[in-house]
C-alpha atoms as a PDB file:
ATOM      1  CA  MET A   1     137.293  76.875 151.118  1.00  0.00           C
ATOM      2  CA  ASP A   2     139.130  74.389 149.039  1.00  0.00           C
ATOM      3  CA  ILE A   3     141.412  75.172 146.157  1.00  0.00           C
ATOM      4  CA  PHE A   4     138.864  73.909 143.581  1.00  0.00           C
ATOM      5  CA  GLU A   5     136.215  76.345 144.797  1.00  0.00           C
ATOM      6  CA  GLN A   6     138.687  79.220 144.747  1.00  0.00           C
ATOM      7  CA  LYS A   7     139.573  78.342 141.107  1.00  0.00           C
ATOM      8  CA  ARG A   8     135.986  78.104 140.116  1.00  0.00           C
ATOM      9  CA  ARG A   9     135.235  81.666 141.619  1.00  0.00           C
ATOM     10  CA  ILE A  10     138.240  83.041 139.857  1.00  0.00           C
ATOM     11  CA  ILE A  11     136.904  81.676 136.516  1.00  0.00           C
ATOM     12  CA  THR A  12     133.402  82.908 137.232  1.00  0.00           C
ATOM     13  CA  THR A  13     134.609  86.260 138.185  1.00  0.00           C
ATOM     14  CA  ALA A  14     136.714  86.490 135.038  1.00  0.00           C
ATOM     15  CA  ILE A  15     133.770  85.456 132.864  1.00  0.00           C
ATOM     16  CA  VAL A  16     131.406  88.040 134.648  1.00  0.00           C
ATOM     17  CA  ALA A  17     133.959  90.794 134.218  1.00  0.00           C
ATOM     18  CA  VAL A  18     134.309  90.090 130.544  1.00  0.00           C
ATOM     19  CA  VAL A  19     130.526  90.066 130.051  1.00  0.00           C
ATOM     20  CA  LEU A  20     129.946  93.232 132.137  1.00  0.00           C
ATOM     21  CA  THR A  21     132.752  94.978 130.217  1.00  0.00           C
ATOM     22  CA  GLY A  22     130.813  94.085 127.006  1.00  0.00           C
ATOM     23  CA  ILE A  23     127.603  95.409 128.519  1.00  0.00           C
ATOM     24  CA  SER A  24     129.400  98.645 129.678  1.00  0.00           C
ATOM     25  CA  ILE A  25     130.810  99.095 126.150  1.00  0.00           C
ATOM     26  CA  ALA A  26     127.311  98.560 124.602  1.00  0.00           C
ATOM     27  CA  VAL A  27     125.848 101.237 126.922  1.00  0.00           C
ATOM     28  CA  VAL A  28     128.770 103.673 126.229  1.00  0.00           C
ATOM     29  CA  VAL A  29     128.665 103.182 122.552  1.00  0.00           C
ATOM     30  CA  SER A  30     124.893 103.074 122.186  1.00  0.00           C
ATOM     31  CA  THR A  31     124.023 106.265 124.006  1.00  0.00           C
ATOM     32  CA  PRO A  32     125.763 108.775 121.777  1.00  0.00           C
ATOM     33  CA  LEU A  33     124.860 106.607 118.749  1.00  0.00           C
ATOM     34  CA  ILE A  34     121.171 106.746 119.778  1.00  0.00           C
ATOM     35  CA  ASN A  35     121.328 110.495 120.070  1.00  0.00           C
ATOM     36  CA  GLN A  36     123.218 110.925 116.826  1.00  0.00           C
ATOM     37  CA  ILE A  37     120.982 108.641 114.672  1.00  0.00           C
ATOM     38  CA  HIS A  38     117.910 110.038 116.229  1.00  0.00           C
ATOM     39  CA  THR A  39     118.936 113.553 115.439  1.00  0.00           C
ATOM     40  CA  GLN A  40     119.925 112.481 111.846  1.00  0.00           C
ATOM     41  CA  ALA A  41     116.467 110.855 111.337  1.00  0.00           C
ATOM     42  CA  ALA A  42     114.699 113.906 112.519  1.00  0.00           C
ATOM     43  CA  ASP A  43     116.866 116.109 110.362  1.00  0.00           C
ATOM     44  CA  THR A  44     116.051 114.041 107.389  1.00  0.00           C
ATOM     45  CA  ALA A  45     112.385 114.326 107.877  1.00  0.00           C
ATOM     46  CA  SER A  46     112.761 117.970 108.484  1.00  0.00           C
ATOM     47  CA  LEU A  47     114.541 118.359 105.135  1.00  0.00           C
ATOM     48  CA  VAL A  48     111.654 116.743 103.419  1.00  0.00           C
ATOM     49  CA  ALA A  49     109.291 119.457 104.835  1.00  0.00           C
ATOM     50  CA  ASP A  50     111.806 122.014 103.752  1.00  0.00           C
ATOM     51  CA  ALA A  51     111.671 120.658 100.183  1.00  0.00           C
ATOM     52  CA  LYS A  52     107.946 120.493 100.144  1.00  0.00           C
ATOM     53  CA  ALA A  53     107.647 124.234 101.104  1.00  0.00           C
ATOM     54  CA  GLU A  54     110.252 125.113  98.484  1.00  0.00           C
ATOM     55  CA  SER A  55     108.311 123.206  95.875  1.00  0.00           C
ATOM     56  CA  VAL A  56     105.041 125.065  96.678  1.00  0.00           C
ATOM     57  CA  ARG A  57     106.871 128.372  96.620  1.00  0.00           C
ATOM     58  CA  ALA A  58     108.255 127.440  93.166  1.00  0.00           C
ATOM     59  CA  VAL A  59     104.754 126.621  91.926  1.00  0.00           C
ATOM     60  CA  PHE A  60     103.471 129.962  93.156  1.00  0.00           C
ATOM     61  CA  ASP A  61     106.421 131.849  91.569  1.00  0.00           C
ATOM     62  CA  GLN A  62     105.776 130.145  88.322  1.00  0.00           C
ATOM     63  CA  HIS A  63     102.124 131.100  88.232  1.00  0.00           C
ATOM     64  CA  GLN A  64     102.949 134.674  89.430  1.00  0.00           C
ATOM     65  CA  ASP A  65     105.294 134.925  86.404  1.00  0.00           C
ATOM     66  CA  LEU A  66     102.579 133.705  84.013  1.00  0.00           C
ATOM     67  CA  ALA A  67     100.232 136.472  85.233  1.00  0.00           C
ATOM     68  CA  ARG A  68     102.987 139.121  84.693  1.00  0.00           C
ATOM     69  CA  GLN A  69     103.646 137.811  81.281  1.00  0.00           C
ATOM     70  CA  THR A  70     100.021 137.913  80.239  1.00  0.00           C
ATOM     71  CA  ALA A  71      99.673 141.540  81.634  1.00  0.00           C
ATOM     72  CA  SER A  72     102.877 142.715  79.877  1.00  0.00           C
ATOM     73  CA  ARG A  73     101.617 142.265  76.273  1.00  0.00           C
ATOM     74  CA  SER A  74     102.180 145.714  74.904  1.00  0.00           C
ATOM     75  CA  GLU A  75      99.586 145.586  72.204  1.00  0.00           C
ATOM     76  CA  LEU A  76      96.860 144.817  74.677  1.00  0.00           C
ATOM     77  CA  ALA A  77      98.073 147.344  77.139  1.00  0.00           C
ATOM     78  CA  ARG A  78      97.821 150.109  74.400  1.00  0.00           C
ATOM     79  CA  VAL A  79      94.262 149.379  73.708  1.00  0.00           C
ATOM     80  CA  MET A  80      93.514 149.540  77.425  1.00  0.00           C
ATOM     81  CA  VAL A  81      94.950 153.046  77.374  1.00  0.00           C
ATOM     82  CA  GLU A  82      92.542 154.131  74.582  1.00  0.00           C
ATOM     83  CA  TYR A  83      89.686 152.448  76.348  1.00  0.00           C
ATOM     84  CA  ASN A  84      90.369 154.355  79.518  1.00  0.00           C
ATOM     85  CA  ARG A  85      90.666 157.530  77.621  1.00  0.00           C
ATOM     86  CA  GLY A  86      87.313 157.040  76.043  1.00  0.00           C
ATOM     87  CA  ASN A  87      88.585 156.570  72.535  1.00  0.00           C
ATOM     88  CA  LEU A  88      87.578 152.862  72.230  1.00  0.00           C
ATOM     89  CA  ALA A  89      84.185 151.284  72.926  1.00  0.00           C
ATOM     90  CA  LEU A  90      83.919 148.310  75.282  1.00  0.00           C
ATOM     91  CA  ALA A  91      82.791 146.119  72.363  1.00  0.00           C
ATOM     92  CA  ASP A  92      85.815 147.087  70.267  1.00  0.00           C
ATOM     93  CA  LEU A  93      88.110 146.415  73.236  1.00  0.00           C
ATOM     94  CA  ARG A  94      86.582 142.991  73.662  1.00  0.00           C
ATOM     95  CA  THR A  95      86.837 142.241  70.018  1.00  0.00           C
ATOM     96  CA  PHE A  96      90.468 143.149  69.855  1.00  0.00           C
ATOM     97  CA  SER A  97      91.445 141.596  73.307  1.00  0.00           C
ATOM     98  CA  ARG A  98      89.654 138.175  73.180  1.00  0.00           C
ATOM     99  CA  PRO A  99      91.462 136.476  70.468  1.00  0.00           C
ATOM    100  CA  ARG A 100      94.891 137.527  71.773  1.00  0.00           C
ATOM    101  CA  LEU A 101      94.072 136.472  75.318  1.00  0.00           C
ATOM    102  CA  ASP A 102      92.698 133.214  73.832  1.00  0.00           C
ATOM    103  CA  ASP A 103      96.119 132.745  72.143  1.00  0.00           C
ATOM    104  CA  ALA A 104      97.838 133.188  75.600  1.00  0.00           C
ATOM    105  CA  ALA A 105      95.537 130.886  77.357  1.00  0.00           C
ATOM    106  CA  LYS A 106      96.283 128.011  74.868  1.00  0.00           C
ATOM    107  CA  ASN A 107      99.817 127.843  76.181  1.00  0.00           C
ATOM    108  CA  ILE A 108      98.927 127.420  79.872  1.00  0.00           C
ATOM    109  CA  ASP A 109      98.137 123.906  80.729  1.00  0.00           C
ATOM    110  CA  ASN A 110      96.227 124.207  83.966  1.00  0.00           C
ATOM    111  CA  LEU A 111      94.602 127.633  83.227  1.00  0.00           C
ATOM    112  CA  ALA A 112      90.967 127.912  84.315  1.00  0.00           C
ATOM    113  CA  ALA A 113      90.301 131.393  83.116  1.00  0.00           C
ATOM    114  CA  ILE A 114      91.842 134.818  82.288  1.00  0.00           C
ATOM    115  CA  VAL A 115      89.720 137.892  83.351  1.00  0.00           C
ATOM    116  CA  ARG A 116      90.816 141.310  82.350  1.00  0.00           C
ATOM    117  CA  PHE A 117      89.731 144.336  84.383  1.00  0.00           C
ATOM    118  CA  ASP A 118      90.066 147.997  83.570  1.00  0.00           C
ATOM    119  CA  ALA A 119      91.810 150.481  85.812  1.00  0.00           C
ATOM    120  CA  SER A 120      88.663 150.932  87.951  1.00  0.00           C
ATOM    121  CA  GLY A 121      88.297 147.251  88.567  1.00  0.00           C
ATOM    122  CA  ALA A 122      85.459 146.641  86.151  1.00  0.00           C
ATOM    123  CA  GLU A 123      85.519 143.449  84.042  1.00  0.00           C
ATOM    124  CA  VAL A 124      86.035 143.981  80.384  1.00  0.00           C
ATOM    125  CA  VAL A 125      86.714 140.405  78.953  1.00  0.00           C
ATOM    126  CA  ARG A 126      87.285 136.867  80.015  1.00  0.00           C
ATOM    127  CA  VAL A 127      88.587 133.755  78.366  1.00  0.00           C
ATOM    128  CA  GLY A 128      89.571 130.191  79.200  1.00  0.00           C
ATOM    129  CA  PRO A 129      87.999 126.757  79.839  1.00  0.00           C
ATOM    130  CA  LEU A 130      86.005 127.864  82.748  1.00  0.00           C
ATOM    131  CA  ASP A 131      85.174 131.531  81.515  1.00  0.00           C
ATOM    132  CA  ASP A 132      81.377 130.695  81.148  1.00  0.00           C
ATOM    133  CA  GLN A 133      81.241 128.548  84.218  1.00  0.00           C
ATOM    134  CA  LEU A 134      82.401 131.073  86.724  1.00  0.00           C
ATOM    135  CA  PRO A 135      80.075 133.752  88.311  1.00  0.00           C
ATOM    136  CA  ALA A 136      79.282 136.691  86.045  1.00  0.00           C
ATOM    137  CA  ASP A 137      79.899 139.231  88.806  1.00  0.00           C
ATOM    138  CA  LEU A 138      83.467 137.884  89.677  1.00  0.00           C
ATOM    139  CA  PRO A 139      85.149 140.431  92.012  1.00  0.00           C
ATOM    140  CA  MET A 140      88.731 141.471  91.425  1.00  0.00           C
ATOM    141  CA  PRO A 141      90.887 139.995  94.224  1.00  0.00           C
ATOM    142  CA  SER A 142      94.446 141.017  95.136  1.00  0.00           C
ATOM    143  CA  GLY A 143      97.803 139.235  95.124  1.00  0.00           C
ATOM    144  CA  LEU A 144      98.139 135.425  94.901  1.00  0.00           C
ATOM    145  CA  ASP A 145      95.812 133.171  96.895  1.00  0.00           C
ATOM    146  CA  ILE A 146      93.838 130.004  96.889  1.00  0.00           C
ATOM    147  CA  GLN A 147      90.036 130.390  97.267  1.00  0.00           C
ATOM    148  CA  SER A 148      86.896 128.445  96.575  1.00  0.00           C
ATOM    149  CA  TYR A 149      85.016 129.559  93.488  1.00  0.00           C
ATOM    150  CA  PRO A 150      81.545 128.404  92.553  1.00  0.00           C
ATOM    151  CA  VAL A 151      81.759 126.651  89.237  1.00  0.00           C
ATOM    152  CA  GLY A 152      79.066 125.394  86.774  1.00  0.00           C
ATOM    153  CA  VAL A 153      75.311 125.529  86.867  1.00  0.00           C
ATOM    154  CA  ASN A 154      75.303 123.868  90.308  1.00  0.00           C
ATOM    155  CA  ASN A 155      77.804 126.370  91.693  1.00  0.00           C
ATOM    156  CA  LYS A 156      79.960 123.584  93.098  1.00  0.00           C
ATOM    157  CA  ALA A 157      82.787 125.052  95.074  1.00  0.00           C
ATOM    158  CA  ARG A 158      86.215 124.376  93.612  1.00  0.00           C
ATOM    159  CA  PRO A 159      89.564 125.559  94.978  1.00  0.00           C
ATOM    160  CA  LEU A 160      91.406 127.592  92.416  1.00  0.00           C
ATOM    161  CA  LEU A 161      94.796 129.425  92.538  1.00  0.00           C
ATOM    162  CA  HIS A 162      94.306 133.008  91.535  1.00  0.00           C
ATOM    163  CA  VAL A 163      96.949 135.517  90.623  1.00  0.00           C
ATOM    164  CA  ILE A 164      96.541 139.141  89.696  1.00  0.00           C
ATOM    165  CA  ALA A 165      99.001 141.296  87.865  1.00  0.00           C
ATOM    166  CA  ALA A 166      98.758 145.074  86.940  1.00  0.00           C
ATOM    167  CA  ILE A 167      98.836 146.146  83.240  1.00  0.00           C
ATOM    168  CA  ARG A 168     101.131 149.096  83.064  1.00  0.00           C
ATOM    169  CA  VAL A 169     102.007 151.675  80.364  1.00  0.00           C
ATOM    170  CA  ASP A 170     104.695 154.230  81.181  1.00  0.00           C
ATOM    171  CA  LYS A 171     104.432 153.082  84.839  1.00  0.00           C
ATOM    172  CA  GLN A 172     100.695 153.897  84.856  1.00  0.00           C
ATOM    173  CA  ILE A 173      98.219 151.174  85.750  1.00  0.00           C
ATOM    174  CA  VAL A 174      95.719 150.821  82.958  1.00  0.00           C
ATOM    175  CA  GLY A 175      94.138 147.580  83.903  1.00  0.00           C
ATOM    176  CA  TYR A 176      94.605 144.226  85.611  1.00  0.00           C
ATOM    177  CA  ASP A 177      94.762 140.596  84.570  1.00  0.00           C
ATOM    178  CA  LEU A 178      93.270 137.908  86.857  1.00  0.00           C
ATOM    179  CA  LEU A 179      94.539 134.463  86.147  1.00  0.00           C
ATOM    180  CA  LEU A 180      92.728 131.476  87.674  1.00  0.00           C
ATOM    181  CA  PHE A 181      94.412 128.120  87.707  1.00  0.00           C
ATOM    182  CA  GLU A 182      93.582 124.516  88.575  1.00  0.00           C
ATOM    183  CA  LEU A 183      95.778 123.053  91.346  1.00  0.00           C
ATOM    184  CA  SER A 184      97.149 120.082  89.441  1.00  0.00           C
ATOM    185  CA  PRO A 185     100.807 121.281  89.670  1.00  0.00           C
ATOM    186  CA  LEU A 186     100.412 120.836  93.504  1.00  0.00           C
ATOM    187  CA  ILE A 187      99.393 117.162  93.250  1.00  0.00           C
ATOM    188  CA  PRO A 188     102.994 115.802  93.268  1.00  0.00           C
ATOM    189  CA  ILE A 189     103.926 117.847  96.306  1.00  0.00           C
ATOM    190  CA  PHE A 190     100.841 116.710  98.200  1.00  0.00           C
ATOM    191  CA  ARG A 191     101.404 112.974  97.501  1.00  0.00           C
ATOM    192  CA  VAL A 192     103.278 111.483 100.593  1.00  0.00           C
ATOM    193  CA  ASP A 193     103.737 107.919 101.838  1.00  0.00           C
ATOM    194  CA  VAL A 194     101.027 106.209 103.909  1.00  0.00           C
ATOM    195  CA  ASP A 195     102.693 107.266 107.226  1.00  0.00           C
ATOM    196  CA  SER A 196     102.677 110.852 106.495  1.00  0.00           C
ATOM    197  CA  SER A 197     100.150 113.659 105.597  1.00  0.00           C
ATOM    198  CA  LEU A 198     100.588 117.143 104.160  1.00  0.00           C
ATOM    199  CA  CYS A 199      98.389 120.180 103.901  1.00  0.00           C
ATOM    200  CA  LEU A 200      98.539 123.985 103.200  1.00  0.00           C
ATOM    201  CA  LEU A 201      97.213 126.333 105.832  1.00  0.00           C
ATOM    202  CA  ASP A 202      96.905 130.055 105.350  1.00  0.00           C
ATOM    203  CA  VAL A 203      98.784 132.253 107.739  1.00  0.00           C
ATOM    204  CA  GLU A 204      95.570 133.530 109.303  1.00  0.00           C
ATOM    205  CA  ARG A 205      94.564 129.967 110.083  1.00  0.00           C
ATOM    206  CA  THR A 206      91.227 130.248 108.318  1.00  0.00           C
ATOM    207  CA  ARG A 207      91.608 127.873 105.400  1.00  0.00           C
ATOM    208  CA  ARG A 208      93.293 124.401 104.936  1.00  0.00           C
ATOM    209  CA  LEU A 209      93.985 122.810 101.583  1.00  0.00           C
ATOM    210  CA  ILE A 210      94.141 119.131 101.420  1.00  0.00           C
ATOM    211  CA  TRP A 211      94.335 116.418  98.785  1.00  0.00           C
ATOM    212  CA  THR A 212      92.012 113.417  98.989  1.00  0.00           C
ATOM    213  CA  GLU A 213      93.318 110.323  97.306  1.00  0.00           C
ATOM    214  CA  GLY A 214      89.818 108.770  97.335  1.00  0.00           C
ATOM    215  CA  SER A 215      88.118 111.419  95.221  1.00  0.00           C
ATOM    216  CA  HIS A 216      91.508 112.626  93.637  1.00  0.00           C
ATOM    217  CA  GLN A 217      90.426 116.202  94.169  1.00  0.00           C
ATOM    218  CA  PHE A 218      91.646 119.212  96.317  1.00  0.00           C
ATOM    219  CA  GLN A 219      89.384 120.452  99.087  1.00  0.00           C
ATOM    220  CA  LEU A 220      89.562 123.755 100.833  1.00  0.00           C
ATOM    221  CA  THR A 221      88.253 123.310 104.424  1.00  0.00           C
ATOM    222  CA  THR A 222      88.380 124.962 107.854  1.00  0.00           C
ATOM    223  CA  PRO A 223      91.646 124.361 109.759  1.00  0.00           C
ATOM    224  CA  ASN A 224      89.971 122.079 112.303  1.00  0.00           C
ATOM    225  CA  GLY A 225      92.109 119.056 111.220  1.00  0.00           C
ATOM    226  CA  CYS A 226      95.395 120.865 111.687  1.00  0.00           C
ATOM    227  CA  LEU A 227      97.613 119.660 114.408  1.00  0.00           C
ATOM    228  CA  ALA A 228      99.334 123.010 114.905  1.00  0.00           C
ATOM    229  CA  GLU A 229      95.819 124.498 115.413  1.00  0.00           C
ATOM    230  CA  GLN A 230      94.836 121.868 117.969  1.00  0.00           C
ATOM    231  CA  GLU A 231      98.097 122.168 119.828  1.00  0.00           C
ATOM    232  CA  GLY A 232      97.997 125.992 119.665  1.00  0.00           C
ATOM    233  CA  ILE A 233     101.388 126.128 118.102  1.00  0.00           C
ATOM    234  CA  ASP A 234     102.413 129.052 115.833  1.00  0.00           C
ATOM    235  CA  TYR A 235     105.040 129.109 113.139  1.00  0.00           C
ATOM    236  CA  LYS A 236     108.564 129.940 114.299  1.00  0.00           C
ATOM    237  CA  PRO A 237     111.614 129.995 112.046  1.00  0.00           C
ATOM    238  CA  ASP A 238     113.599 128.122 114.769  1.00  0.00           C
ATOM    239  CA  LEU A 239     111.035 125.323 115.235  1.00  0.00           C
ATOM    240  CA  ASP A 240     112.030 122.439 113.279  1.00  0.00           C
ATOM    241  CA  PHE A 241     109.310 120.124 114.494  1.00  0.00           C
ATOM    242  CA  PHE A 242     106.970 119.325 117.380  1.00  0.00           C
ATOM    243  CA  ARG A 243     105.550 116.203 118.766  1.00  0.00           C
ATOM    244  CA  ALA A 244     101.777 115.560 118.722  1.00  0.00           C
ATOM    245  CA  SER A 245      99.168 112.738 118.601  1.00  0.00           C
ATOM    246  CA  LEU A 246      96.660 111.948 115.949  1.00  0.00           C
ATOM    247  CA  PRO A 247      92.931 111.458 117.054  1.00  0.00           C
ATOM    248  CA  ASP A 248      93.534 107.730 117.065  1.00  0.00           C
ATOM    249  CA  GLY A 249      96.473 108.060 119.387  1.00  0.00           C
ATOM    250  CA  THR A 250      99.260 107.604 116.848  1.00  0.00           C
ATOM    251  CA  ARG A 251     102.341 109.599 117.861  1.00  0.00           C
ATOM    252  CA  VAL A 252     103.751 111.857 115.080  1.00  0.00           C
ATOM    253  CA  LEU A 253     106.376 114.407 114.424  1.00  0.00           C
ATOM    254  CA  ALA A 254     104.843 117.577 112.941  1.00  0.00           C
ATOM    255  CA  PHE A 255     106.577 120.154 110.774  1.00  0.00           C
ATOM    256  CA  MET A 256     105.470 123.701 109.866  1.00  0.00           C
ATOM    257  CA  ARG A 257     107.197 125.643 107.022  1.00  0.00           C
ATOM    258  CA  LEU A 258     106.436 129.052 105.777  1.00  0.00           C
ATOM    259  CA  VAL A 259     106.019 129.287 102.026  1.00  0.00           C
ATOM    260  CA  GLU A 260     108.586 132.127 101.599  1.00  0.00           C
ATOM    261  CA  GLY A 261     106.958 135.340 100.046  1.00  0.00           C
ATOM    262  CA  TYR A 262     103.362 134.058 100.445  1.00  0.00           C
ATOM    263  CA  ASP A 263     100.707 133.900 103.163  1.00  0.00           C
ATOM    264  CA  TRP A 264     100.727 130.138 103.282  1.00  0.00           C
ATOM    265  CA  GLU A 265     102.331 127.439 105.427  1.00  0.00           C
ATOM    266  CA  VAL A 266     103.136 123.865 104.620  1.00  0.00           C
ATOM    267  CA  HIS A 267     102.090 121.555 107.489  1.00  0.00           C
ATOM    268  CA  MET A 268     103.346 117.975 107.315  1.00  0.00           C
ATOM    269  CA  ASN A 269     103.469 115.162 109.940  1.00  0.00           C
ATOM    270  CA  ALA A 270     105.032 111.745 109.897  1.00  0.00           C
ATOM    271  CA  ARG A 271     104.449 108.799 112.231  1.00  0.00           C
ATOM    272  CA  THR A 272     107.155 108.531 114.800  1.00  0.00           C
ATOM    273  CA  SER A 273     107.540 104.883 114.185  1.00  0.00           C
ATOM    274  CA  SER A 274     108.255 105.484 110.508  1.00  0.00           C
ATOM    275  CA  VAL A 275     110.820 108.191 111.223  1.00  0.00           C
ATOM    276  CA  PHE A 276     112.682 106.363 113.907  1.00  0.00           C
ATOM    277  CA  GLY A 277     111.734 102.771 113.120  1.00  0.00           C
ATOM    278  CA  LYS A 278     115.030 102.103 111.133  1.00  0.00           C
ATOM    279  CA  VAL A 279     116.962 103.987 113.806  1.00  0.00           C
ATOM    280  CA  ILE A 280     115.617 101.651 116.498  1.00  0.00           C
ATOM    281  CA  GLU A 281     116.329  98.620 114.408  1.00  0.00           C
ATOM    282  CA  ASP A 282     119.979  99.587 113.788  1.00  0.00           C
ATOM    283  CA  ILE A 283     120.566 100.372 117.550  1.00  0.00           C
ATOM    284  CA  VAL A 284     119.099  97.075 118.626  1.00  0.00           C
ATOM    285  CA  ILE A 285     121.329  95.193 116.038  1.00  0.00           C
ATOM    286  CA  SER A 286     124.375  97.057 117.277  1.00  0.00           C
ATOM    287  CA  VAL A 287     123.663  96.270 120.907  1.00  0.00           C
ATOM    288  CA  VAL A 288     122.839  92.647 120.254  1.00  0.00           C
ATOM    289  CA  LEU A 289     126.223  92.211 118.322  1.00  0.00           C
ATOM    290  CA  ILE A 290     128.113  93.705 121.137  1.00  0.00           C
ATOM    291  CA  LEU A 291     126.462  91.419 123.736  1.00  0.00           C
ATOM    292  CA  MET A 292     127.015  88.445 121.500  1.00  0.00           C
ATOM    293  CA  LEU A 293     130.656  89.306 121.203  1.00  0.00           C
ATOM    294  CA  SER A 294     130.734  89.608 125.018  1.00  0.00           C
ATOM    295  CA  ALA A 295     129.189  86.186 125.380  1.00  0.00           C
ATOM    296  CA  VAL A 296     131.699  84.632 122.988  1.00  0.00           C
ATOM    297  CA  ALA A 297     134.591  86.361 124.828  1.00  0.00           C
ATOM    298  CA  GLY A 298     133.132  84.874 128.080  1.00  0.00           C
ATOM    299  CA  THR A 299     133.054  81.539 126.481  1.00  0.00           C
ATOM    300  CA  VAL A 300     136.631  81.814 125.251  1.00  0.00           C
ATOM    301  CA  VAL A 301     137.735  82.967 128.764  1.00  0.00           C
ATOM    302  CA  TRP A 302     135.948  79.953 130.383  1.00  0.00           C
ATOM    303  CA  ARG A 303     137.545  77.493 127.969  1.00  0.00           C
ATOM    304  CA  SER A 304     141.009  79.107 128.501  1.00  0.00           C
ATOM    305  CA  LEU A 305     140.738  78.818 132.237  1.00  0.00           C
ATOM    306  CA  ARG A 306     139.052  75.543 132.554  1.00  0.00           C
ATOM    307  CA  PRO A 307     142.205  73.483 132.562  1.00  0.00           C
ATOM    308  CA  ILE A 308     143.192  75.465 135.708  1.00  0.00           C
ATOM    309  CA  VAL A 309     140.179  74.082 137.511  1.00  0.00           C
ATOM    310  CA  HIS A 310     141.158  70.543 136.786  1.00  0.00           C
ATOM    311  CA  ALA A 311     144.829  71.114 137.457  1.00  0.00           C
END
């Protein structure tokens, strides 16, 4: 082997070494970077799910408070005591209660109806925008829940939030106030970007509340479209997310969050490409920059050593 060939091999080896060093640095740097950014992106999406669940809880709490405030009106509670004792006729109770409940209803934007029951659970009076459109034999439910109610002459099912609060006098229950609400305060929570979807699912997995952008209405359906139901995954406090596929094959990250204090869960999913798309782009740019710098370094080495070849 002549001296020229030896010089050429030395230069080639030096250039390859520089490039391979750059590639090694790219691998070493990108591996933890990928893991870190991947985790951060998943954590960010998880925080969105946390915020949605907290927002739903705040809406439920607000409406629970409204029911308690309505039931706490002392002058209305006192006449309920007289009615229960038989000292007041039902007609007189209604005459006294209706205008005062009407006054309370005017200050609640999304109220559908207030229905007052006596201590035995029999209805005594109702007011509100839908008072005459709801069934006459409306049963007294319990707690806070979202149910479908037949509304209007066609009995069209409409999901409403109902809250019940006990009317108490000296710690004795003398009646109950049932407040029915439209779900408009939940609309901003349900509105997500095109790469995501959100619904509410009751903890017994029997009802699923969704918002349909096309009709601009809430619908209460069976839980068939729920990914957690399809995958057989139950809520666990330590489960941040799970991976699943939509019917069209789209890969998503799915999140489940319990609405604290209530028997509902927030279920949200986001396309994997939307969650990690920016992450992949950043990693590719970083790796390409490192490789470009390696190529530049290799070129510099070649130019620096080229005079040796011709020496």
